[in-house]
Amino acid sequence: MQHKNNMFLGLILGVILPVIAHLLTKHSEIIAQLMPQKPLGLYVLALTGNIIAVWYCYRNDREQVGKGIVLVTFLGMLLAVITKTIVI
């Protein structure tokens, strides 16, 4: 069985948790009920999930997948910080 080890797969896998966090934040009241003082709480949980996935990938010789997840995670968290702190 061939193991997939490419960055594109990592990019796709890395997007899943941040998109779920975004959808839950924008289209549900879960953040108001669970973490009213922490508006970025779900994004931090998505970051944590992605970091665990990166750890798993590097541990199982799938460095390219891990690099894709790291790239998406970094860009997503940078985007979240910029959009939440800069007011135009």
PDB file of N, CA and C in Angstrom:
ATOM      1  N   MET A   1       0.839  -1.182   0.000  1.00  0.00           N
ATOM      2  CA  MET A   1       0.000   0.000   0.000  1.00  0.00           C
ATOM      3  C   MET A   1       0.883   1.244   0.000  1.00  0.00           C
ATOM      4  N   GLN A   2       0.599   2.152  -0.922  1.00  0.00           N
ATOM      5  CA  GLN A   2       1.394   3.358  -1.039  1.00  0.00           C
ATOM      6  C   GLN A   2       0.903   4.402  -0.036  1.00  0.00           C
ATOM      7  N   HIS A   3       1.847   4.978   0.711  1.00  0.00           N
ATOM      8  CA  HIS A   3       1.500   6.042   1.648  1.00  0.00           C
ATOM      9  C   HIS A   3       1.578   7.372   0.932  1.00  0.00           C
ATOM     10  N   LYS A   4       0.556   8.172   1.104  1.00  0.00           N
ATOM     11  CA  LYS A   4       0.557   9.505   0.515  1.00  0.00           C
ATOM     12  C   LYS A   4       1.416  10.411   1.391  1.00  0.00           C
ATOM     13  N   ASN A   5       2.378  11.057   0.782  1.00  0.00           N
ATOM     14  CA  ASN A   5       3.242  11.980   1.503  1.00  0.00           C
ATOM     15  C   ASN A   5       3.489  13.180   0.606  1.00  0.00           C
ATOM     16  N   ASN A   6       2.452  13.996   0.411  1.00  0.00           N
ATOM     17  CA  ASN A   6       2.647  15.199  -0.374  1.00  0.00           C
ATOM     18  C   ASN A   6       2.037  16.395   0.331  1.00  0.00           C
ATOM     19  N   MET A   7       2.545  17.563  -0.017  1.00  0.00           N
ATOM     20  CA  MET A   7       2.144  18.779   0.662  1.00  0.00           C
ATOM     21  C   MET A   7       0.690  19.142   0.371  1.00  0.00           C
ATOM     22  N   PHE A   8       0.197  18.833  -0.810  1.00  0.00           N
ATOM     23  CA  PHE A   8      -1.185  19.150  -1.154  1.00  0.00           C
ATOM     24  C   PHE A   8      -2.161  18.449  -0.209  1.00  0.00           C
ATOM     25  N   LEU A   9      -1.898  17.197   0.120  1.00  0.00           N
ATOM     26  CA  LEU A   9      -2.732  16.472   1.078  1.00  0.00           C
ATOM     27  C   LEU A   9      -2.685  17.159   2.442  1.00  0.00           C
ATOM     28  N   GLY A  10      -1.510  17.620   2.840  1.00  0.00           N
ATOM     29  CA  GLY A  10      -1.381  18.346   4.101  1.00  0.00           C
ATOM     30  C   GLY A  10      -2.153  19.649   4.103  1.00  0.00           C
ATOM     31  N   LEU A  11      -2.152  20.340   2.962  1.00  0.00           N
ATOM     32  CA  LEU A  11      -2.917  21.584   2.862  1.00  0.00           C
ATOM     33  C   LEU A  11      -4.407  21.313   3.039  1.00  0.00           C
ATOM     34  N   ILE A  12      -4.892  20.261   2.411  1.00  0.00           N
ATOM     35  CA  ILE A  12      -6.311  19.913   2.529  1.00  0.00           C
ATOM     36  C   ILE A  12      -6.649  19.507   3.961  1.00  0.00           C
ATOM     37  N   LEU A  13      -5.825  18.660   4.558  1.00  0.00           N
ATOM     38  CA  LEU A  13      -6.086  18.222   5.934  1.00  0.00           C
ATOM     39  C   LEU A  13      -5.972  19.375   6.925  1.00  0.00           C
ATOM     40  N   GLY A  14      -5.051  20.285   6.670  1.00  0.00           N
ATOM     41  CA  GLY A  14      -4.861  21.421   7.571  1.00  0.00           C
ATOM     42  C   GLY A  14      -6.000  22.412   7.552  1.00  0.00           C
ATOM     43  N   VAL A  15      -6.770  22.450   6.487  1.00  0.00           N
ATOM     44  CA  VAL A  15      -7.878  23.393   6.363  1.00  0.00           C
ATOM     45  C   VAL A  15      -9.125  22.920   7.115  1.00  0.00           C
ATOM     46  N   ILE A  16      -9.256  21.646   7.332  1.00  0.00           N
ATOM     47  CA  ILE A  16     -10.499  21.084   7.871  1.00  0.00           C
ATOM     48  C   ILE A  16     -10.870  21.675   9.234  1.00  0.00           C
ATOM     49  N   LEU A  17      -9.988  21.611  10.208  1.00  0.00           N
ATOM     50  CA  LEU A  17     -10.329  22.097  11.554  1.00  0.00           C
ATOM     51  C   LEU A  17     -10.548  23.608  11.616  1.00  0.00           C
ATOM     52  N   PRO A  18      -9.717  24.425  10.957  1.00  0.00           N
ATOM     53  CA  PRO A  18     -10.024  25.868  10.981  1.00  0.00           C
ATOM     54  C   PRO A  18     -11.355  26.225  10.311  1.00  0.00           C
ATOM     55  N   VAL A  19     -11.716  25.524   9.263  1.00  0.00           N
ATOM     56  CA  VAL A  19     -13.005  25.795   8.615  1.00  0.00           C
ATOM     57  C   VAL A  19     -14.152  25.417   9.547  1.00  0.00           C
ATOM     58  N   ILE A  20     -14.036  24.297  10.228  1.00  0.00           N
ATOM     59  CA  ILE A  20     -15.065  23.907  11.203  1.00  0.00           C
ATOM     60  C   ILE A  20     -15.163  24.946  12.317  1.00  0.00           C
ATOM     61  N   ALA A  21     -14.023  25.411  12.810  1.00  0.00           N
ATOM     62  CA  ALA A  21     -14.024  26.437  13.859  1.00  0.00           C
ATOM     63  C   ALA A  21     -14.681  27.722  13.361  1.00  0.00           C
ATOM     64  N   HIS A  22     -14.376  28.102  12.139  1.00  0.00           N
ATOM     65  CA  HIS A  22     -14.973  29.317  11.575  1.00  0.00           C
ATOM     66  C   HIS A  22     -16.491  29.177  11.433  1.00  0.00           C
ATOM     67  N   LEU A  23     -16.924  28.046  10.912  1.00  0.00           N
ATOM     68  CA  LEU A  23     -18.364  27.836  10.735  1.00  0.00           C
ATOM     69  C   LEU A  23     -19.097  27.820  12.070  1.00  0.00           C
ATOM     70  N   LEU A  24     -18.499  27.178  13.067  1.00  0.00           N
ATOM     71  CA  LEU A  24     -19.137  27.153  14.385  1.00  0.00           C
ATOM     72  C   LEU A  24     -19.158  28.536  15.022  1.00  0.00           C
ATOM     73  N   THR A  25     -18.122  29.316  14.800  1.00  0.00           N
ATOM     74  CA  THR A  25     -18.070  30.659  15.373  1.00  0.00           C
ATOM     75  C   THR A  25     -19.087  31.584  14.713  1.00  0.00           C
ATOM     76  N   LYS A  26     -19.204  31.505  13.408  1.00  0.00           N
ATOM     77  CA  LYS A  26     -20.082  32.420  12.683  1.00  0.00           C
ATOM     78  C   LYS A  26     -21.546  31.996  12.669  1.00  0.00           C
ATOM     79  N   HIS A  27     -21.822  30.709  12.700  1.00  0.00           N
ATOM     80  CA  HIS A  27     -23.193  30.244  12.475  1.00  0.00           C
ATOM     81  C   HIS A  27     -23.806  29.483  13.649  1.00  0.00           C
ATOM     82  N   SER A  28     -23.229  29.629  14.823  1.00  0.00           N
ATOM     83  CA  SER A  28     -23.821  28.989  15.994  1.00  0.00           C
ATOM     84  C   SER A  28     -23.556  29.842  17.226  1.00  0.00           C
ATOM     85  N   GLU A  29     -24.193  29.491  18.290  1.00  0.00           N
ATOM     86  CA  GLU A  29     -24.026  30.203  19.556  1.00  0.00           C
ATOM     87  C   GLU A  29     -23.085  29.467  20.504  1.00  0.00           C
ATOM     88  N   ILE A  30     -22.327  28.513  19.996  1.00  0.00           N
ATOM     89  CA  ILE A  30     -21.476  27.687  20.852  1.00  0.00           C
ATOM     90  C   ILE A  30     -20.388  28.506  21.544  1.00  0.00           C
ATOM     91  N   ILE A  31     -19.839  29.487  20.851  1.00  0.00           N
ATOM     92  CA  ILE A  31     -18.781  30.294  21.459  1.00  0.00           C
ATOM     93  C   ILE A  31     -19.354  31.166  22.574  1.00  0.00           C
ATOM     94  N   ALA A  32     -20.572  31.649  22.414  1.00  0.00           N
ATOM     95  CA  ALA A  32     -21.204  32.473  23.451  1.00  0.00           C
ATOM     96  C   ALA A  32     -21.543  31.646  24.682  1.00  0.00           C
ATOM     97  N   GLN A  33     -21.860  30.374  24.483  1.00  0.00           N
ATOM     98  CA  GLN A  33     -22.231  29.519  25.605  1.00  0.00           C
ATOM     99  C   GLN A  33     -21.013  28.959  26.331  1.00  0.00           C
ATOM    100  N   LEU A  34     -20.013  28.509  25.579  1.00  0.00           N
ATOM    101  CA  LEU A  34     -18.870  27.843  26.199  1.00  0.00           C
ATOM    102  C   LEU A  34     -17.754  28.794  26.616  1.00  0.00           C
ATOM    103  N   MET A  35     -17.451  29.766  25.761  1.00  0.00           N
ATOM    104  CA  MET A  35     -16.314  30.660  26.019  1.00  0.00           C
ATOM    105  C   MET A  35     -16.677  32.105  25.690  1.00  0.00           C
ATOM    106  N   PRO A  36     -17.555  32.741  26.458  1.00  0.00           N
ATOM    107  CA  PRO A  36     -17.979  34.098  26.094  1.00  0.00           C
ATOM    108  C   PRO A  36     -16.853  35.132  26.186  1.00  0.00           C
ATOM    109  N   GLN A  37     -15.874  34.898  27.017  1.00  0.00           N
ATOM    110  CA  GLN A  37     -14.776  35.845  27.180  1.00  0.00           C
ATOM    111  C   GLN A  37     -13.635  35.613  26.187  1.00  0.00           C
ATOM    112  N   LYS A  38     -13.684  34.519  25.440  1.00  0.00           N
ATOM    113  CA  LYS A  38     -12.591  34.139  24.542  1.00  0.00           C
ATOM    114  C   LYS A  38     -13.127  33.937  23.119  1.00  0.00           C
ATOM    115  N   PRO A  39     -13.204  34.999  22.329  1.00  0.00           N
ATOM    116  CA  PRO A  39     -13.776  34.864  20.985  1.00  0.00           C
ATOM    117  C   PRO A  39     -12.927  34.030  20.030  1.00  0.00           C
ATOM    118  N   LEU A  40     -11.647  33.870  20.310  1.00  0.00           N
ATOM    119  CA  LEU A  40     -10.783  33.056  19.451  1.00  0.00           C
ATOM    120  C   LEU A  40     -10.598  31.633  19.989  1.00  0.00           C
ATOM    121  N   GLY A  41     -11.397  31.231  20.942  1.00  0.00           N
ATOM    122  CA  GLY A  41     -11.231  29.942  21.603  1.00  0.00           C
ATOM    123  C   GLY A  41     -11.304  28.746  20.667  1.00  0.00           C
ATOM    124  N   LEU A  42     -12.253  28.740  19.757  1.00  0.00           N
ATOM    125  CA  LEU A  42     -12.371  27.607  18.831  1.00  0.00           C
ATOM    126  C   LEU A  42     -11.198  27.559  17.858  1.00  0.00           C
ATOM    127  N   TYR A  43     -10.683  28.726  17.500  1.00  0.00           N
ATOM    128  CA  TYR A  43      -9.515  28.751  16.609  1.00  0.00           C
ATOM    129  C   TYR A  43      -8.287  28.184  17.313  1.00  0.00           C
ATOM    130  N   VAL A  44      -8.176  28.441  18.595  1.00  0.00           N
ATOM    131  CA  VAL A  44      -7.065  27.873  19.367  1.00  0.00           C
ATOM    132  C   VAL A  44      -7.204  26.353  19.449  1.00  0.00           C
ATOM    133  N   LEU A  45      -8.429  25.866  19.599  1.00  0.00           N
ATOM    134  CA  LEU A  45      -8.648  24.420  19.593  1.00  0.00           C
ATOM    135  C   LEU A  45      -8.315  23.811  18.235  1.00  0.00           C
ATOM    136  N   ALA A  46      -8.631  24.518  17.156  1.00  0.00           N
ATOM    137  CA  ALA A  46      -8.275  24.050  15.813  1.00  0.00           C
ATOM    138  C   ALA A  46      -6.760  24.011  15.650  1.00  0.00           C
ATOM    139  N   LEU A  47      -6.080  25.018  16.163  1.00  0.00           N
ATOM    140  CA  LEU A  47      -4.616  25.047  16.131  1.00  0.00           C
ATOM    141  C   LEU A  47      -4.047  23.855  16.888  1.00  0.00           C
ATOM    142  N   THR A  48      -4.603  23.570  18.039  1.00  0.00           N
ATOM    143  CA  THR A  48      -4.137  22.435  18.837  1.00  0.00           C
ATOM    144  C   THR A  48      -4.329  21.122  18.086  1.00  0.00           C
ATOM    145  N   GLY A  49      -5.474  20.954  17.455  1.00  0.00           N
ATOM    146  CA  GLY A  49      -5.717  19.745  16.659  1.00  0.00           C
ATOM    147  C   GLY A  49      -4.735  19.619  15.504  1.00  0.00           C
ATOM    148  N   ASN A  50      -4.437  20.732  14.840  1.00  0.00           N
ATOM    149  CA  ASN A  50      -3.488  20.689  13.736  1.00  0.00           C
ATOM    150  C   ASN A  50      -2.071  20.389  14.226  1.00  0.00           C
ATOM    151  N   ILE A  51      -1.699  20.903  15.363  1.00  0.00           N
ATOM    152  CA  ILE A  51      -0.360  20.623  15.897  1.00  0.00           C
ATOM    153  C   ILE A  51      -0.234  19.142  16.256  1.00  0.00           C
ATOM    154  N   ILE A  52      -1.287  18.554  16.790  1.00  0.00           N
ATOM    155  CA  ILE A  52      -1.273  17.115  17.072  1.00  0.00           C
ATOM    156  C   ILE A  52      -1.144  16.327  15.772  1.00  0.00           C
ATOM    157  N   ALA A  53      -1.838  16.776  14.721  1.00  0.00           N
ATOM    158  CA  ALA A  53      -1.730  16.111  13.420  1.00  0.00           C
ATOM    159  C   ALA A  53      -0.315  16.228  12.856  1.00  0.00           C
ATOM    160  N   VAL A  54       0.320  17.380  13.031  1.00  0.00           N
ATOM    161  CA  VAL A  54       1.702  17.566  12.572  1.00  0.00           C
ATOM    162  C   VAL A  54       2.630  16.625  13.326  1.00  0.00           C
ATOM    163  N   TRP A  55       2.448  16.534  14.621  1.00  0.00           N
ATOM    164  CA  TRP A  55       3.269  15.625  15.425  1.00  0.00           C
ATOM    165  C   TRP A  55       3.132  14.196  14.914  1.00  0.00           C
ATOM    166  N   TYR A  56       1.898  13.776  14.632  1.00  0.00           N
ATOM    167  CA  TYR A  56       1.651  12.431  14.121  1.00  0.00           C
ATOM    168  C   TYR A  56       2.333  12.223  12.760  1.00  0.00           C
ATOM    169  N   CYS A  57       2.223  13.211  11.899  1.00  0.00           N
ATOM    170  CA  CYS A  57       2.831  13.091  10.561  1.00  0.00           C
ATOM    171  C   CYS A  57       4.346  12.961  10.643  1.00  0.00           C
ATOM    172  N   TYR A  58       4.983  13.788  11.437  1.00  0.00           N
ATOM    173  CA  TYR A  58       6.444  13.714  11.547  1.00  0.00           C
ATOM    174  C   TYR A  58       6.881  12.412  12.217  1.00  0.00           C
ATOM    175  N   ARG A  59       6.083  11.933  13.110  1.00  0.00           N
ATOM    176  CA  ARG A  59       6.417  10.691  13.802  1.00  0.00           C
ATOM    177  C   ARG A  59       6.307   9.479  12.875  1.00  0.00           C
ATOM    178  N   ASN A  60       5.451   9.569  11.857  1.00  0.00           N
ATOM    179  CA  ASN A  60       5.216   8.450  10.948  1.00  0.00           C
ATOM    180  C   ASN A  60       5.795   8.694   9.551  1.00  0.00           C
ATOM    181  N   ASP A  61       6.855   9.473   9.470  1.00  0.00           N
ATOM    182  CA  ASP A  61       7.593   9.721   8.224  1.00  0.00           C
ATOM    183  C   ASP A  61       6.718  10.263   7.103  1.00  0.00           C
ATOM    184  N   ARG A  62       5.882  11.210   7.423  1.00  0.00           N
ATOM    185  CA  ARG A  62       5.079  11.916   6.418  1.00  0.00           C
ATOM    186  C   ARG A  62       5.355  13.408   6.538  1.00  0.00           C
ATOM    187  N   GLU A  63       6.611  13.775   6.297  1.00  0.00           N
ATOM    188  CA  GLU A  63       7.056  15.149   6.496  1.00  0.00           C
ATOM    189  C   GLU A  63       6.343  16.136   5.584  1.00  0.00           C
ATOM    190  N   GLN A  64       6.092  15.754   4.343  1.00  0.00           N
ATOM    191  CA  GLN A  64       5.450  16.675   3.399  1.00  0.00           C
ATOM    192  C   GLN A  64       4.015  16.997   3.825  1.00  0.00           C
ATOM    193  N   VAL A  65       3.306  16.006   4.308  1.00  0.00           N
ATOM    194  CA  VAL A  65       1.951  16.241   4.815  1.00  0.00           C
ATOM    195  C   VAL A  65       2.025  17.176   6.021  1.00  0.00           C
ATOM    196  N   GLY A  66       2.965  16.938   6.905  1.00  0.00           N
ATOM    197  CA  GLY A  66       3.152  17.793   8.076  1.00  0.00           C
ATOM    198  C   GLY A  66       3.466  19.227   7.694  1.00  0.00           C
ATOM    199  N   LYS A  67       4.299  19.406   6.670  1.00  0.00           N
ATOM    200  CA  LYS A  67       4.635  20.757   6.210  1.00  0.00           C
ATOM    201  C   LYS A  67       3.408  21.475   5.666  1.00  0.00           C
ATOM    202  N   GLY A  68       2.545  20.761   4.960  1.00  0.00           N
ATOM    203  CA  GLY A  68       1.313  21.367   4.453  1.00  0.00           C
ATOM    204  C   GLY A  68       0.393  21.794   5.576  1.00  0.00           C
ATOM    205  N   ILE A  69       0.275  20.967   6.600  1.00  0.00           N
ATOM    206  CA  ILE A  69      -0.564  21.307   7.749  1.00  0.00           C
ATOM    207  C   ILE A  69       0.004  22.515   8.487  1.00  0.00           C
ATOM    208  N   VAL A  70       1.328  22.551   8.645  1.00  0.00           N
ATOM    209  CA  VAL A  70       1.962  23.689   9.319  1.00  0.00           C
ATOM    210  C   VAL A  70       1.714  24.977   8.542  1.00  0.00           C
ATOM    211  N   LEU A  71       1.837  24.917   7.219  1.00  0.00           N
ATOM    212  CA  LEU A  71       1.626  26.107   6.391  1.00  0.00           C
ATOM    213  C   LEU A  71       0.208  26.646   6.546  1.00  0.00           C
ATOM    214  N   VAL A  72      -0.787  25.783   6.429  1.00  0.00           N
ATOM    215  CA  VAL A  72      -2.178  26.217   6.565  1.00  0.00           C
ATOM    216  C   VAL A  72      -2.450  26.726   7.973  1.00  0.00           C
ATOM    217  N   THR A  73      -1.919  26.053   8.973  1.00  0.00           N
ATOM    218  CA  THR A  73      -2.130  26.466  10.357  1.00  0.00           C
ATOM    219  C   THR A  73      -1.544  27.846  10.605  1.00  0.00           C
ATOM    220  N   PHE A  74      -0.324  28.067  10.141  1.00  0.00           N
ATOM    221  CA  PHE A  74       0.324  29.356  10.329  1.00  0.00           C
ATOM    222  C   PHE A  74      -0.461  30.465   9.624  1.00  0.00           C
ATOM    223  N   LEU A  75      -0.824  30.251   8.374  1.00  0.00           N
ATOM    224  CA  LEU A  75      -1.556  31.270   7.628  1.00  0.00           C
ATOM    225  C   LEU A  75      -2.942  31.529   8.225  1.00  0.00           C
ATOM    226  N   GLY A  76      -3.599  30.475   8.667  1.00  0.00           N
ATOM    227  CA  GLY A  76      -4.913  30.637   9.283  1.00  0.00           C
ATOM    228  C   GLY A  76      -4.863  31.405  10.592  1.00  0.00           C
ATOM    229  N   MET A  77      -3.908  31.091  11.420  1.00  0.00           N
ATOM    230  CA  MET A  77      -3.793  31.798  12.693  1.00  0.00           C
ATOM    231  C   MET A  77      -3.356  33.251  12.474  1.00  0.00           C
ATOM    232  N   LEU A  78      -2.496  33.486  11.495  1.00  0.00           N
ATOM    233  CA  LEU A  78      -2.098  34.847  11.161  1.00  0.00           C
ATOM    234  C   LEU A  78      -3.304  35.645  10.675  1.00  0.00           C
ATOM    235  N   LEU A  79      -4.112  35.044   9.832  1.00  0.00           N
ATOM    236  CA  LEU A  79      -5.320  35.683   9.342  1.00  0.00           C
ATOM    237  C   LEU A  79      -6.296  35.972  10.486  1.00  0.00           C
ATOM    238  N   ALA A  80      -6.457  35.044  11.399  1.00  0.00           N
ATOM    239  CA  ALA A  80      -7.362  35.244  12.541  1.00  0.00           C
ATOM    240  C   ALA A  80      -6.883  36.394  13.414  1.00  0.00           C
ATOM    241  N   VAL A  81      -5.610  36.457  13.672  1.00  0.00           N
ATOM    242  CA  VAL A  81      -5.079  37.540  14.512  1.00  0.00           C
ATOM    243  C   VAL A  81      -5.233  38.878  13.809  1.00  0.00           C
ATOM    244  N   ILE A  82      -4.918  38.922  12.524  1.00  0.00           N
ATOM    245  CA  ILE A  82      -5.020  40.193  11.780  1.00  0.00           C
ATOM    246  C   ILE A  82      -6.461  40.667  11.718  1.00  0.00           C
ATOM    247  N   THR A  83      -7.394  39.776  11.420  1.00  0.00           N
ATOM    248  CA  THR A  83      -8.788  40.202  11.272  1.00  0.00           C
ATOM    249  C   THR A  83      -9.433  40.535  12.623  1.00  0.00           C
ATOM    250  N   LYS A  84      -8.950  39.954  13.691  1.00  0.00           N
ATOM    251  CA  LYS A  84      -9.544  40.243  15.001  1.00  0.00           C
ATOM    252  C   LYS A  84      -8.926  41.463  15.666  1.00  0.00           C
ATOM    253  N   THR A  85      -7.702  41.854  15.282  1.00  0.00           N
ATOM    254  CA  THR A  85      -7.037  42.964  15.971  1.00  0.00           C
ATOM    255  C   THR A  85      -7.017  44.244  15.173  1.00  0.00           C
ATOM    256  N   ILE A  86      -7.090  44.179  13.853  1.00  0.00           N
ATOM    257  CA  ILE A  86      -7.062  45.381  13.029  1.00  0.00           C
ATOM    258  C   ILE A  86      -8.488  45.789  12.720  1.00  0.00           C
ATOM    259  N   VAL A  87      -8.818  47.003  13.097  1.00  0.00           N
ATOM    260  CA  VAL A  87     -10.144  47.541  12.824  1.00  0.00           C
ATOM    261  C   VAL A  87      -9.988  48.655  11.801  1.00  0.00           C
ATOM    262  N   ILE A  88     -10.704  48.504  10.697  1.00  0.00           N
ATOM    263  CA  ILE A  88     -10.599  49.519   9.629  1.00  0.00           C
ATOM    264  C   ILE A  88     -11.806  50.427   9.681  1.00  0.00           C
TER     265      ILE A  88
END
